[in-house]
C-alpha atoms as a PDB file:
ATOM      1  CA  LEU A   1      87.630 149.228 106.237  1.00  0.00           C
ATOM      2  CA  TYR A   2      85.084 152.035 106.158  1.00  0.00           C
ATOM      3  CA  GLU A   3      83.029 154.274 103.908  1.00  0.00           C
ATOM      4  CA  ARG A   4      82.354 157.983 104.226  1.00  0.00           C
ATOM      5  CA  GLY A   5      78.807 158.759 105.288  1.00  0.00           C
ATOM      6  CA  PRO A   6      76.504 161.258 103.606  1.00  0.00           C
ATOM      7  CA  GLU A   7      77.004 163.747 106.434  1.00  0.00           C
ATOM      8  CA  GLU A   8      80.357 165.258 107.315  1.00  0.00           C
ATOM      9  CA  GLY A   9      82.057 163.468 110.193  1.00  0.00           C
ATOM     10  CA  TYR A  10      80.070 160.245 109.845  1.00  0.00           C
ATOM     11  CA  LEU A  11      81.709 156.978 108.851  1.00  0.00           C
ATOM     12  CA  ARG A  12      80.267 153.549 108.064  1.00  0.00           C
ATOM     13  CA  CYS A  13      82.512 150.730 109.259  1.00  0.00           C
ATOM     14  CA  THR A  14      82.657 147.718 106.920  1.00  0.00           C
ATOM     15  CA  ALA A  15      84.693 145.323 109.078  1.00  0.00           C
ATOM     16  CA  CYS A  16      81.680 143.310 110.221  1.00  0.00           C
ATOM     17  CA  ALA A  17      78.103 142.737 109.142  1.00  0.00           C
ATOM     18  CA  HIS A  18      76.741 145.284 111.635  1.00  0.00           C
ATOM     19  CA  ARG A  19      78.039 147.995 109.274  1.00  0.00           C
ATOM     20  CA  CYS A  20      77.854 150.532 112.088  1.00  0.00           C
ATOM     21  CA  VAL A  21      77.465 154.205 111.250  1.00  0.00           C
ATOM     22  CA  LEU A  22      79.944 155.910 113.562  1.00  0.00           C
ATOM     23  CA  SER A  23      78.966 159.363 114.697  1.00  0.00           C
ATOM     24  CA  PRO A  24      81.702 161.684 115.995  1.00  0.00           C
ATOM     25  CA  GLY A  25      83.391 160.210 119.055  1.00  0.00           C
ATOM     26  CA  ARG A  26      81.265 157.061 119.084  1.00  0.00           C
ATOM     27  CA  ALA A  27      82.333 153.422 118.840  1.00  0.00           C
ATOM     28  CA  GLY A  28      80.615 150.659 116.915  1.00  0.00           C
ATOM     29  CA  ALA A  29      78.962 147.513 118.283  1.00  0.00           C
ATOM     30  CA  CYS A  30      82.383 145.979 118.872  1.00  0.00           C
ATOM     31  CA  GLY A  31      83.410 148.817 121.181  1.00  0.00           C
ATOM     32  CA  ILE A  32      86.882 149.157 119.670  1.00  0.00           C
ATOM     33  CA  ARG A  33      86.432 150.831 116.277  1.00  0.00           C
ATOM     34  CA  PHE A  34      85.445 154.485 116.587  1.00  0.00           C
ATOM     35  CA  GLU A  35      85.384 157.829 114.826  1.00  0.00           C
ATOM     36  CA  GLN A  36      87.690 160.620 115.948  1.00  0.00           C
ATOM     37  CA  ASP A  37      88.364 163.877 114.142  1.00  0.00           C
ATOM     38  CA  GLY A  38      86.782 162.555 110.976  1.00  0.00           C
ATOM     39  CA  GLU A  39      88.916 159.410 110.853  1.00  0.00           C
ATOM     40  CA  LEU A  40      88.343 155.775 111.778  1.00  0.00           C
ATOM     41  CA  ARG A  41      90.462 154.680 114.756  1.00  0.00           C
ATOM     42  CA  VAL A  42      91.283 150.988 115.041  1.00  0.00           C
ATOM     43  CA  PRO A  43      93.358 148.813 117.401  1.00  0.00           C
ATOM     44  CA  PHE A  44      96.953 148.352 116.301  1.00  0.00           C
ATOM     45  CA  GLY A  45     100.350 147.268 117.577  1.00  0.00           C
ATOM     46  CA  TYR A  46      99.468 145.016 120.501  1.00  0.00           C
ATOM     47  CA  VAL A  47      98.271 141.553 121.458  1.00  0.00           C
ATOM     48  CA  ALA A  48      96.045 140.572 124.362  1.00  0.00           C
ATOM     49  CA  ARG A  49      97.522 137.078 124.404  1.00  0.00           C
ATOM     50  CA  HIS A  50      99.519 134.763 122.192  1.00  0.00           C
ATOM     51  CA  TYR A  51     100.421 131.094 122.447  1.00  0.00           C
ATOM     52  CA  VAL A  52     102.413 128.552 120.485  1.00  0.00           C
ATOM     53  CA  ARG A  53     100.508 125.296 120.065  1.00  0.00           C
ATOM     54  CA  SER A  54      99.658 122.824 117.326  1.00  0.00           C
ATOM     55  CA  VAL A  55      97.701 124.173 114.373  1.00  0.00           C
ATOM     56  CA  GLU A  56      94.985 121.644 115.238  1.00  0.00           C
ATOM     57  CA  THR A  57      94.176 123.527 118.476  1.00  0.00           C
ATOM     58  CA  ASN A  58      92.675 126.187 116.200  1.00  0.00           C
ATOM     59  CA  THR A  59      90.367 123.436 114.890  1.00  0.00           C
ATOM     60  CA  ILE A  60      92.102 123.472 111.531  1.00  0.00           C
ATOM     61  CA  PHE A  61      92.786 119.944 110.275  1.00  0.00           C
ATOM     62  CA  HIS A  62      93.579 120.301 106.569  1.00  0.00           C
ATOM     63  CA  VAL A  63      96.424 122.817 106.837  1.00  0.00           C
ATOM     64  CA  ARG A  64      99.962 121.601 107.533  1.00  0.00           C
ATOM     65  CA  PRO A  65      98.940 118.734 109.859  1.00  0.00           C
ATOM     66  CA  GLY A  66     101.231 118.610 112.870  1.00  0.00           C
ATOM     67  CA  ALA A  67     102.659 122.103 112.331  1.00  0.00           C
ATOM     68  CA  ARG A  68     103.133 124.514 115.203  1.00  0.00           C
ATOM     69  CA  SER A  69     101.036 127.675 115.173  1.00  0.00           C
ATOM     70  CA  LEU A  70     101.473 130.988 116.919  1.00  0.00           C
ATOM     71  CA  THR A  71      97.958 132.177 117.662  1.00  0.00           C
ATOM     72  CA  PHE A  72      97.347 135.744 118.814  1.00  0.00           C
ATOM     73  CA  GLY A  73      94.357 137.904 119.615  1.00  0.00           C
ATOM     74  CA  MET A  74      93.290 141.371 120.692  1.00  0.00           C
ATOM     75  CA  PHE A  75      90.393 142.654 122.803  1.00  0.00           C
ATOM     76  CA  GLY A  76      86.798 143.020 121.656  1.00  0.00           C
ATOM     77  CA  CYS A  77      84.138 141.211 119.637  1.00  0.00           C
ATOM     78  CA  ASP A  78      81.196 142.020 117.399  1.00  0.00           C
ATOM     79  CA  LEU A  79      79.081 139.268 119.006  1.00  0.00           C
ATOM     80  CA  ARG A  80      78.295 138.494 122.642  1.00  0.00           C
ATOM     81  CA  CYS A  81      77.962 134.719 122.857  1.00  0.00           C
ATOM     82  CA  PRO A  82      76.941 133.679 126.395  1.00  0.00           C
ATOM     83  CA  TYR A  83      79.001 130.481 126.101  1.00  0.00           C
ATOM     84  CA  CYS A  84      82.177 132.080 124.711  1.00  0.00           C
ATOM     85  CA  GLN A  85      85.238 129.960 125.446  1.00  0.00           C
ATOM     86  CA  ASN A  86      87.551 133.016 125.282  1.00  0.00           C
ATOM     87  CA  TRP A  87      85.283 135.556 126.959  1.00  0.00           C
ATOM     88  CA  LYS A  88      87.940 137.111 129.176  1.00  0.00           C
ATOM     89  CA  VAL A  89      89.549 138.497 126.022  1.00  0.00           C
ATOM     90  CA  SER A  90      86.660 138.801 123.568  1.00  0.00           C
ATOM     91  CA  GLN A  91      84.309 140.382 126.122  1.00  0.00           C
ATOM     92  CA  ALA A  92      86.971 142.289 128.067  1.00  0.00           C
ATOM     93  CA  LEU A  93      85.393 145.655 127.236  1.00  0.00           C
ATOM     94  CA  ARG A  94      81.968 144.521 128.461  1.00  0.00           C
ATOM     95  CA  GLU A  95      82.913 142.441 131.494  1.00  0.00           C
ATOM     96  CA  PRO A  96      84.655 143.658 134.666  1.00  0.00           C
ATOM     97  CA  GLU A  97      86.153 140.171 135.033  1.00  0.00           C
ATOM     98  CA  GLY A  98      87.860 140.423 131.655  1.00  0.00           C
ATOM     99  CA  ASP A  99      91.574 140.035 132.063  1.00  0.00           C
ATOM    100  CA  GLY A 100      94.906 141.054 130.699  1.00  0.00           C
ATOM    101  CA  GLU A 101      96.771 144.173 129.733  1.00  0.00           C
ATOM    102  CA  PRO A 102      97.698 144.812 126.109  1.00  0.00           C
ATOM    103  CA  ILE A 103     101.219 143.734 125.229  1.00  0.00           C
ATOM    104  CA  ASP A 104     102.782 146.226 122.834  1.00  0.00           C
ATOM    105  CA  ILE A 105     104.570 144.501 119.966  1.00  0.00           C
ATOM    106  CA  SER A 106     105.379 145.198 116.326  1.00  0.00           C
ATOM    107  CA  ALA A 107     104.205 142.997 113.485  1.00  0.00           C
ATOM    108  CA  ALA A 108     107.817 142.081 112.702  1.00  0.00           C
ATOM    109  CA  ASP A 109     108.545 141.078 116.307  1.00  0.00           C
ATOM    110  CA  LEU A 110     105.379 138.984 116.569  1.00  0.00           C
ATOM    111  CA  VAL A 111     106.279 137.114 113.403  1.00  0.00           C
ATOM    112  CA  GLU A 112     109.863 136.693 114.578  1.00  0.00           C
ATOM    113  CA  THR A 113     108.496 135.081 117.753  1.00  0.00           C
ATOM    114  CA  ALA A 114     106.602 132.600 115.578  1.00  0.00           C
ATOM    115  CA  VAL A 115     109.608 131.839 113.391  1.00  0.00           C
ATOM    116  CA  ALA A 116     111.900 131.397 116.403  1.00  0.00           C
ATOM    117  CA  ALA A 117     109.401 128.918 117.892  1.00  0.00           C
ATOM    118  CA  GLY A 118     109.439 126.840 114.710  1.00  0.00           C
ATOM    119  CA  CYS A 119     105.890 127.724 113.672  1.00  0.00           C
ATOM    120  CA  GLY A 120     104.607 127.136 110.167  1.00  0.00           C
ATOM    121  CA  VAL A 121     101.285 128.877 110.786  1.00  0.00           C
ATOM    122  CA  LEU A 122     100.262 132.248 112.243  1.00  0.00           C
ATOM    123  CA  ALA A 123      96.611 132.650 113.277  1.00  0.00           C
ATOM    124  CA  SER A 124      94.508 135.552 114.525  1.00  0.00           C
ATOM    125  CA  ALA A 125      91.955 134.290 117.047  1.00  0.00           C
ATOM    126  CA  TYR A 126      90.590 134.590 120.631  1.00  0.00           C
ATOM    127  CA  ASN A 127      88.611 137.707 119.704  1.00  0.00           C
ATOM    128  CA  GLU A 128      87.008 138.450 116.321  1.00  0.00           C
ATOM    129  CA  PRO A 129      89.915 139.123 113.935  1.00  0.00           C
ATOM    130  CA  MET A 130      87.899 141.015 111.330  1.00  0.00           C
ATOM    131  CA  ILE A 131      87.264 143.910 113.729  1.00  0.00           C
ATOM    132  CA  THR A 132      91.042 144.208 114.073  1.00  0.00           C
ATOM    133  CA  ALA A 133      91.672 143.485 110.396  1.00  0.00           C
ATOM    134  CA  GLU A 134      94.118 146.341 109.862  1.00  0.00           C
ATOM    135  CA  TRP A 135      96.444 144.894 112.495  1.00  0.00           C
ATOM    136  CA  ALA A 136      95.955 141.333 111.243  1.00  0.00           C
ATOM    137  CA  ARG A 137      96.808 142.441 107.715  1.00  0.00           C
ATOM    138  CA  ALA A 138     100.034 144.094 108.888  1.00  0.00           C
ATOM    139  CA  VAL A 139     101.045 140.964 110.807  1.00  0.00           C
ATOM    140  CA  PHE A 140     100.061 138.614 107.986  1.00  0.00           C
ATOM    141  CA  THR A 141     101.971 140.669 105.424  1.00  0.00           C
ATOM    142  CA  GLU A 142     105.133 140.127 107.448  1.00  0.00           C
ATOM    143  CA  ALA A 143     104.234 136.473 108.056  1.00  0.00           C
ATOM    144  CA  ARG A 144     103.818 135.818 104.341  1.00  0.00           C
ATOM    145  CA  ARG A 145     107.215 137.443 103.729  1.00  0.00           C
ATOM    146  CA  ARG A 146     108.705 134.917 106.168  1.00  0.00           C
ATOM    147  CA  GLY A 147     106.949 131.960 104.527  1.00  0.00           C
ATOM    148  CA  LEU A 148     104.213 131.284 107.095  1.00  0.00           C
ATOM    149  CA  VAL A 149     100.662 130.142 106.390  1.00  0.00           C
ATOM    150  CA  THR A 150      98.143 132.664 107.768  1.00  0.00           C
ATOM    151  CA  ALA A 151      94.704 131.983 109.239  1.00  0.00           C
ATOM    152  CA  LEU A 152      91.704 133.942 110.484  1.00  0.00           C
ATOM    153  CA  ILE A 153      89.661 132.252 113.231  1.00  0.00           C
ATOM    154  CA  SER A 154      86.399 134.144 112.775  1.00  0.00           C
ATOM    155  CA  ASP A 155      82.777 134.185 113.859  1.00  0.00           C
ATOM    156  CA  GLY A 156      81.934 134.780 110.203  1.00  0.00           C
ATOM    157  CA  ASN A 157      79.832 137.879 110.919  1.00  0.00           C
ATOM    158  CA  THR A 158      81.777 139.808 108.328  1.00  0.00           C
ATOM    159  CA  THR A 159      81.463 141.516 104.953  1.00  0.00           C
ATOM    160  CA  PRO A 160      82.625 140.918 101.381  1.00  0.00           C
ATOM    161  CA  GLU A 161      84.766 144.046 101.736  1.00  0.00           C
ATOM    162  CA  ALA A 162      86.613 142.654 104.757  1.00  0.00           C
ATOM    163  CA  LEU A 163      87.144 139.261 103.125  1.00  0.00           C
ATOM    164  CA  ALA A 164      88.538 140.931 100.003  1.00  0.00           C
ATOM    165  CA  TYR A 165      90.766 143.194 102.130  1.00  0.00           C
ATOM    166  CA  MET A 166      92.330 140.244 103.966  1.00  0.00           C
ATOM    167  CA  ARG A 167      92.558 137.762 101.091  1.00  0.00           C
ATOM    168  CA  PRO A 168      95.896 138.955  99.586  1.00  0.00           C
ATOM    169  CA  VAL A 169      97.718 138.041 102.807  1.00  0.00           C
ATOM    170  CA  THR A 170      95.486 135.271 104.228  1.00  0.00           C
ATOM    171  CA  ASP A 171      95.339 131.572 103.385  1.00  0.00           C
ATOM    172  CA  VAL A 172      92.717 130.172 105.764  1.00  0.00           C
ATOM    173  CA  PHE A 173      89.268 131.313 106.896  1.00  0.00           C
ATOM    174  CA  ARG A 174      88.182 129.132 109.802  1.00  0.00           C
ATOM    175  CA  VAL A 175      84.650 130.135 110.699  1.00  0.00           C
ATOM    176  CA  ASP A 176      82.278 129.401 113.569  1.00  0.00           C
ATOM    177  CA  LEU A 177      78.751 128.626 112.372  1.00  0.00           C
ATOM    178  CA  LYS A 178      76.845 128.912 115.632  1.00  0.00           C
ATOM    179  CA  GLY A 179      73.266 128.120 114.668  1.00  0.00           C
ATOM    180  CA  TRP A 180      70.644 128.099 111.953  1.00  0.00           C
ATOM    181  CA  SER A 181      67.868 130.418 113.133  1.00  0.00           C
ATOM    182  CA  ALA A 182      67.257 134.137 113.513  1.00  0.00           C
ATOM    183  CA  ASP A 183      66.387 133.622 117.184  1.00  0.00           C
ATOM    184  CA  GLN A 184      69.674 131.872 117.925  1.00  0.00           C
ATOM    185  CA  TYR A 185      71.754 134.574 116.303  1.00  0.00           C
ATOM    186  CA  ARG A 186      69.669 137.325 117.914  1.00  0.00           C
ATOM    187  CA  THR A 187      70.760 135.897 121.277  1.00  0.00           C
ATOM    188  CA  LEU A 188      74.366 136.256 120.142  1.00  0.00           C
ATOM    189  CA  GLY A 189      73.922 139.761 118.768  1.00  0.00           C
ATOM    190  CA  GLY A 190      74.064 138.945 115.075  1.00  0.00           C
ATOM    191  CA  ARG A 191      72.359 137.289 112.106  1.00  0.00           C
ATOM    192  CA  VAL A 192      72.937 133.938 110.435  1.00  0.00           C
ATOM    193  CA  GLU A 193      72.666 135.206 106.845  1.00  0.00           C
ATOM    194  CA  PRO A 194      75.992 137.112 106.784  1.00  0.00           C
ATOM    195  CA  VAL A 195      77.796 134.080 108.202  1.00  0.00           C
ATOM    196  CA  LEU A 196      76.455 131.732 105.543  1.00  0.00           C
ATOM    197  CA  ALA A 197      77.247 134.334 102.896  1.00  0.00           C
ATOM    198  CA  ALA A 198      80.800 134.708 104.230  1.00  0.00           C
ATOM    199  CA  ILE A 199      81.448 130.965 103.945  1.00  0.00           C
ATOM    200  CA  GLY A 200      80.475 131.031 100.292  1.00  0.00           C
ATOM    201  CA  GLU A 201      82.323 134.262  99.539  1.00  0.00           C
ATOM    202  CA  ALA A 202      85.504 133.096 101.269  1.00  0.00           C
ATOM    203  CA  ARG A 203      85.502 129.898  99.252  1.00  0.00           C
ATOM    204  CA  ARG A 204      84.875 131.866  96.049  1.00  0.00           C
ATOM    205  CA  LEU A 205      87.830 134.139  96.830  1.00  0.00           C
ATOM    206  CA  GLY A 206      90.119 131.142  97.250  1.00  0.00           C
ATOM    207  CA  TYR A 207      90.486 130.906 101.012  1.00  0.00           C
ATOM    208  CA  TRP A 208      90.842 127.430 102.450  1.00  0.00           C
ATOM    209  CA  VAL A 209      87.688 127.201 104.595  1.00  0.00           C
ATOM    210  CA  GLU A 210      86.919 125.030 107.620  1.00  0.00           C
ATOM    211  CA  VAL A 211      83.725 125.362 109.670  1.00  0.00           C
ATOM    212  CA  VAL A 212      83.187 124.714 113.382  1.00  0.00           C
ATOM    213  CA  THR A 213      79.862 124.321 115.165  1.00  0.00           C
ATOM    214  CA  LEU A 214      80.027 124.248 118.950  1.00  0.00           C
ATOM    215  CA  VAL A 215      76.967 122.216 119.922  1.00  0.00           C
ATOM    216  CA  VAL A 216      75.475 123.702 123.101  1.00  0.00           C
ATOM    217  CA  PRO A 217      72.775 121.714 124.947  1.00  0.00           C
ATOM    218  CA  GLY A 218      69.490 123.593 124.963  1.00  0.00           C
ATOM    219  CA  PHE A 219      70.693 126.158 122.428  1.00  0.00           C
ATOM    220  CA  ASN A 220      71.621 124.558 119.107  1.00  0.00           C
ATOM    221  CA  ASP A 221      71.443 120.818 119.738  1.00  0.00           C
ATOM    222  CA  LYS A 222      68.470 119.950 117.536  1.00  0.00           C
ATOM    223  CA  ALA A 223      69.391 117.231 115.045  1.00  0.00           C
ATOM    224  CA  ALA A 224      67.231 118.684 112.270  1.00  0.00           C
ATOM    225  CA  GLY A 225      68.827 122.108 112.595  1.00  0.00           C
ATOM    226  CA  LEU A 226      72.333 120.680 112.568  1.00  0.00           C
ATOM    227  CA  ARG A 227      71.506 118.615 109.504  1.00  0.00           C
ATOM    228  CA  ALA A 228      70.379 121.835 107.828  1.00  0.00           C
ATOM    229  CA  LEU A 229      73.716 123.468 108.669  1.00  0.00           C
ATOM    230  CA  GLY A 230      75.583 120.540 107.159  1.00  0.00           C
ATOM    231  CA  ALA A 231      73.507 120.861 104.002  1.00  0.00           C
ATOM    232  CA  GLU A 232      74.315 124.590 103.769  1.00  0.00           C
ATOM    233  CA  ILE A 233      78.048 123.891 104.038  1.00  0.00           C
ATOM    234  CA  ALA A 234      77.908 121.055 101.502  1.00  0.00           C
ATOM    235  CA  ARG A 235      76.006 123.300  99.111  1.00  0.00           C
ATOM    236  CA  VAL A 236      79.044 125.603  99.038  1.00  0.00           C
ATOM    237  CA  ASP A 237      81.565 122.757  98.777  1.00  0.00           C
ATOM    238  CA  PRO A 238      81.311 119.199 100.171  1.00  0.00           C
ATOM    239  CA  ASP A 239      85.091 119.258 100.691  1.00  0.00           C
ATOM    240  CA  ILE A 240      84.803 121.941 103.398  1.00  0.00           C
ATOM    241  CA  PRO A 241      85.655 120.214 106.705  1.00  0.00           C
ATOM    242  CA  TRP A 242      82.936 120.517 109.356  1.00  0.00           C
ATOM    243  CA  HIS A 243      83.939 120.195 113.009  1.00  0.00           C
ATOM    244  CA  LEU A 244      81.200 119.328 115.506  1.00  0.00           C
ATOM    245  CA  ASN A 245      82.604 120.345 118.877  1.00  0.00           C
ATOM    246  CA  ALA A 246      81.318 119.489 122.316  1.00  0.00           C
ATOM    247  CA  PHE A 247      80.381 122.331 124.658  1.00  0.00           C
ATOM    248  CA  TYR A 248      81.973 122.603 128.095  1.00  0.00           C
ATOM    249  CA  PRO A 249      80.374 124.959 130.653  1.00  0.00           C
ATOM    250  CA  ARG A 250      81.812 128.471 130.329  1.00  0.00           C
ATOM    251  CA  TYR A 251      81.027 132.121 130.946  1.00  0.00           C
ATOM    252  CA  LYS A 252      77.269 132.662 131.376  1.00  0.00           C
ATOM    253  CA  MET A 253      76.355 129.039 130.675  1.00  0.00           C
ATOM    254  CA  ARG A 254      78.190 127.337 133.496  1.00  0.00           C
ATOM    255  CA  ASP A 255      74.958 125.620 134.518  1.00  0.00           C
ATOM    256  CA  ARG A 256      74.637 123.694 131.232  1.00  0.00           C
ATOM    257  CA  LEU A 257      75.620 120.084 130.726  1.00  0.00           C
ATOM    258  CA  THR A 258      78.447 119.112 128.421  1.00  0.00           C
ATOM    259  CA  THR A 259      77.434 117.820 125.004  1.00  0.00           C
ATOM    260  CA  ASP A 260      76.745 114.102 124.673  1.00  0.00           C
ATOM    261  CA  PRO A 261      79.466 112.708 122.348  1.00  0.00           C
ATOM    262  CA  ALA A 262      77.075 110.048 121.036  1.00  0.00           C
ATOM    263  CA  PHE A 263      74.784 112.782 119.722  1.00  0.00           C
ATOM    264  CA  LEU A 264      77.680 114.383 117.831  1.00  0.00           C
ATOM    265  CA  VAL A 265      78.569 111.017 116.309  1.00  0.00           C
ATOM    266  CA  ASP A 266      74.983 110.587 115.091  1.00  0.00           C
ATOM    267  CA  VAL A 267      74.967 114.042 113.463  1.00  0.00           C
ATOM    268  CA  ALA A 268      78.344 113.370 111.852  1.00  0.00           C
ATOM    269  CA  GLY A 269      77.070 110.081 110.446  1.00  0.00           C
ATOM    270  CA  VAL A 270      74.100 111.784 108.806  1.00  0.00           C
ATOM    271  CA  ALA A 271      76.363 114.501 107.362  1.00  0.00           C
ATOM    272  CA  TYR A 272      78.613 111.851 105.819  1.00  0.00           C
ATOM    273  CA  ALA A 273      75.606 110.001 104.433  1.00  0.00           C
ATOM    274  CA  ARG A 274      74.384 113.212 102.793  1.00  0.00           C
ATOM    275  CA  GLY A 275      77.601 113.868 100.943  1.00  0.00           C
ATOM    276  CA  MET A 276      79.955 115.771 103.249  1.00  0.00           C
ATOM    277  CA  ARG A 277      83.437 114.279 102.940  1.00  0.00           C
ATOM    278  CA  TYR A 278      85.195 115.512 106.083  1.00  0.00           C
ATOM    279  CA  VAL A 279      83.265 115.657 109.361  1.00  0.00           C
ATOM    280  CA  TYR A 280      85.105 115.693 112.669  1.00  0.00           C
ATOM    281  CA  VAL A 281      84.272 115.319 116.348  1.00  0.00           C
ATOM    282  CA  SER A 282      87.572 116.327 117.823  1.00  0.00           C
ATOM    283  CA  ASN A 283      87.383 117.753 121.340  1.00  0.00           C
ATOM    284  CA  VAL A 284      86.102 114.534 122.922  1.00  0.00           C
ATOM    285  CA  ALA A 285      88.863 112.384 121.446  1.00  0.00           C
ATOM    286  CA  ASP A 286      89.022 110.158 124.516  1.00  0.00           C
ATOM    287  CA  ARG A 287      85.423 109.122 123.735  1.00  0.00           C
ATOM    288  CA  VAL A 288      85.261 109.470 119.932  1.00  0.00           C
ATOM    289  CA  ARG A 289      88.789 108.986 118.679  1.00  0.00           C
ATOM    290  CA  GLU A 290      87.887 107.705 115.209  1.00  0.00           C
ATOM    291  CA  LEU A 291      86.251 110.997 114.233  1.00  0.00           C
ATOM    292  CA  SER A 292      89.470 112.913 114.919  1.00  0.00           C
ATOM    293  CA  HIS A 293      91.232 111.234 112.002  1.00  0.00           C
ATOM    294  CA  THR A 294      91.178 112.323 108.370  1.00  0.00           C
ATOM    295  CA  ARG A 295      90.047 109.532 106.066  1.00  0.00           C
ATOM    296  CA  CYS A 296      90.396 109.254 102.320  1.00  0.00           C
ATOM    297  CA  PRO A 297      87.015 109.936 100.680  1.00  0.00           C
ATOM    298  CA  GLY A 298      87.855 107.342  98.025  1.00  0.00           C
ATOM    299  CA  CYS A 299      88.776 104.230 100.011  1.00  0.00           C
ATOM    300  CA  TYR A 300      88.133 105.437 103.593  1.00  0.00           C
ATOM    301  CA  GLU A 301      91.651 104.603 104.781  1.00  0.00           C
ATOM    302  CA  VAL A 302      93.066 106.836 107.530  1.00  0.00           C
ATOM    303  CA  VAL A 303      95.482 109.352 105.984  1.00  0.00           C
ATOM    304  CA  VAL A 304      96.060 111.584 109.040  1.00  0.00           C
ATOM    305  CA  ARG A 305      95.859 110.122 112.530  1.00  0.00           C
ATOM    306  CA  ARG A 306      95.152 112.439 115.494  1.00  0.00           C
ATOM    307  CA  PHE A 307      94.446 112.440 119.204  1.00  0.00           C
ATOM    308  CA  ASN A 308      93.500 115.427 121.384  1.00  0.00           C
ATOM    309  CA  TYR A 309      94.300 118.023 118.724  1.00  0.00           C
ATOM    310  CA  GLU A 310      97.716 116.520 118.093  1.00  0.00           C
ATOM    311  CA  THR A 311      98.691 114.878 114.822  1.00  0.00           C
ATOM    312  CA  GLN A 312     100.292 111.508 115.466  1.00  0.00           C
ATOM    313  CA  GLU A 313     100.868 110.301 111.916  1.00  0.00           C
ATOM    314  CA  VAL A 314     100.607 111.828 108.430  1.00  0.00           C
ATOM    315  CA  LEU A 315     100.291 109.114 105.792  1.00  0.00           C
ATOM    316  CA  LEU A 316      99.567 111.344 102.795  1.00  0.00           C
ATOM    317  CA  SER A 317     101.884 111.084  99.813  1.00  0.00           C
ATOM    318  CA  GLY A 318     102.086 114.349  97.908  1.00  0.00           C
ATOM    319  CA  GLY A 319      98.693 115.360  99.276  1.00  0.00           C
ATOM    320  CA  ALA A 320      97.070 112.099  98.154  1.00  0.00           C
ATOM    321  CA  CYS A 321      95.992 108.831  99.738  1.00  0.00           C
ATOM    322  CA  PRO A 322      98.849 106.304  99.479  1.00  0.00           C
ATOM    323  CA  ALA A 323      96.371 103.440  99.087  1.00  0.00           C
ATOM    324  CA  CYS A 324      94.226 104.665  96.184  1.00  0.00           C
ATOM    325  CA  GLY A 325      95.722 107.960  95.016  1.00  0.00           C
ATOM    326  CA  THR A 326      92.671 110.116  95.799  1.00  0.00           C
ATOM    327  CA  ARG A 327      93.716 113.691  96.559  1.00  0.00           C
ATOM    328  CA  VAL A 328      92.782 115.056  99.977  1.00  0.00           C
ATOM    329  CA  PRO A 329      92.171 118.811  99.752  1.00  0.00           C
ATOM    330  CA  GLY A 330      93.850 121.360 101.985  1.00  0.00           C
ATOM    331  CA  LEU A 331      97.071 123.348 102.254  1.00  0.00           C
END
C-alpha cells in the first residue's frame, strides 16, 4: 500500500488518509510504517493481543449472531483519540505506559487458534487495522480458506486504495464515526471527510458495514450533531446499523462523566423516526435493554434478542422475520 514518490527514495503510503510521504528512514504518522533502503517496511507476523469472545463484543450485530470471534490487534494507530478504550495497544508507541510485548505467530497458526476455539469470525481490531493491512490480508486469506467470516474494526481514516486492497479477503467493515466537525477530528489527529467517504466506498465495494459512535460528554454529545451523523449514514444506506455507545472514563479523559443512557435513547429515537432501520444502544444493556435487540423493520417484532453483547435468541428464519417475512440484512 504505497506509491513511489517523484524523488528517488521517497514513498507515499496509501494505507490511511494521511497519505504520508516517507523520506528515507522516516516513519509515517502512525509510527509503524517506514521507508528503509527504498522499500516500505510494515509490521508483520505478530499480534499484540488476541481474545476469543462473542462477535457482538466487536459491536457487530448483523453478522453471524451468537458466533464466537477471535479478535486480534497489533501496535500503533493513525489517530490519537484522548478517550481511546484500547490505548495501551493503539498508543503503545507514544505512551510509556503502553503495555505488552509482540507475540510472534504465523497467519496459519493464528487462524488455527480461531478454528480450534470454534470461532466463525476473525476480526482485526484494538489498533487501526488498515495501517497493518498487509498482515491482516495474510491472516484473512488463510481465514477465508478455512471458512471464517473476516472483519476490520477501523477508525475509517483510510483510503479507497486500502479498501480495495482488503476487499477480496474481507467481509465486514465496522467503522468508528467519532464526530461531525473539523474541530473534533483535529483533536483526534484526522479529518471527518475521509471517514464519511470510506463508509460510502466500503458499501459500494460490497463490504457489510456497521457504524459505531462513542458518545463522549463534552466532546460529541450535541443532539443536532449526532442527528447529522445519522443522516449521513442513512444517505449511504438506511440499512447500515448504527451503534450509539456510552463512554466510560478512559485514558486522558478519566475525569469525564459516563454518557447518560437516556440521551442515547433520545438520539436513537430520532434516527429511527428519520428513516434509519437499525439503531442500537448496546453497552448500557442493564439500563436500555430493548435497544440491544434487532427488530424487524416491517412489523417491529424482535428477531434477535441480546443482553450485554451476548445473543440470547435468534428467531430469524432463513434471514427473514418469521412473523412477516421481511428480510433482515446482514451476513
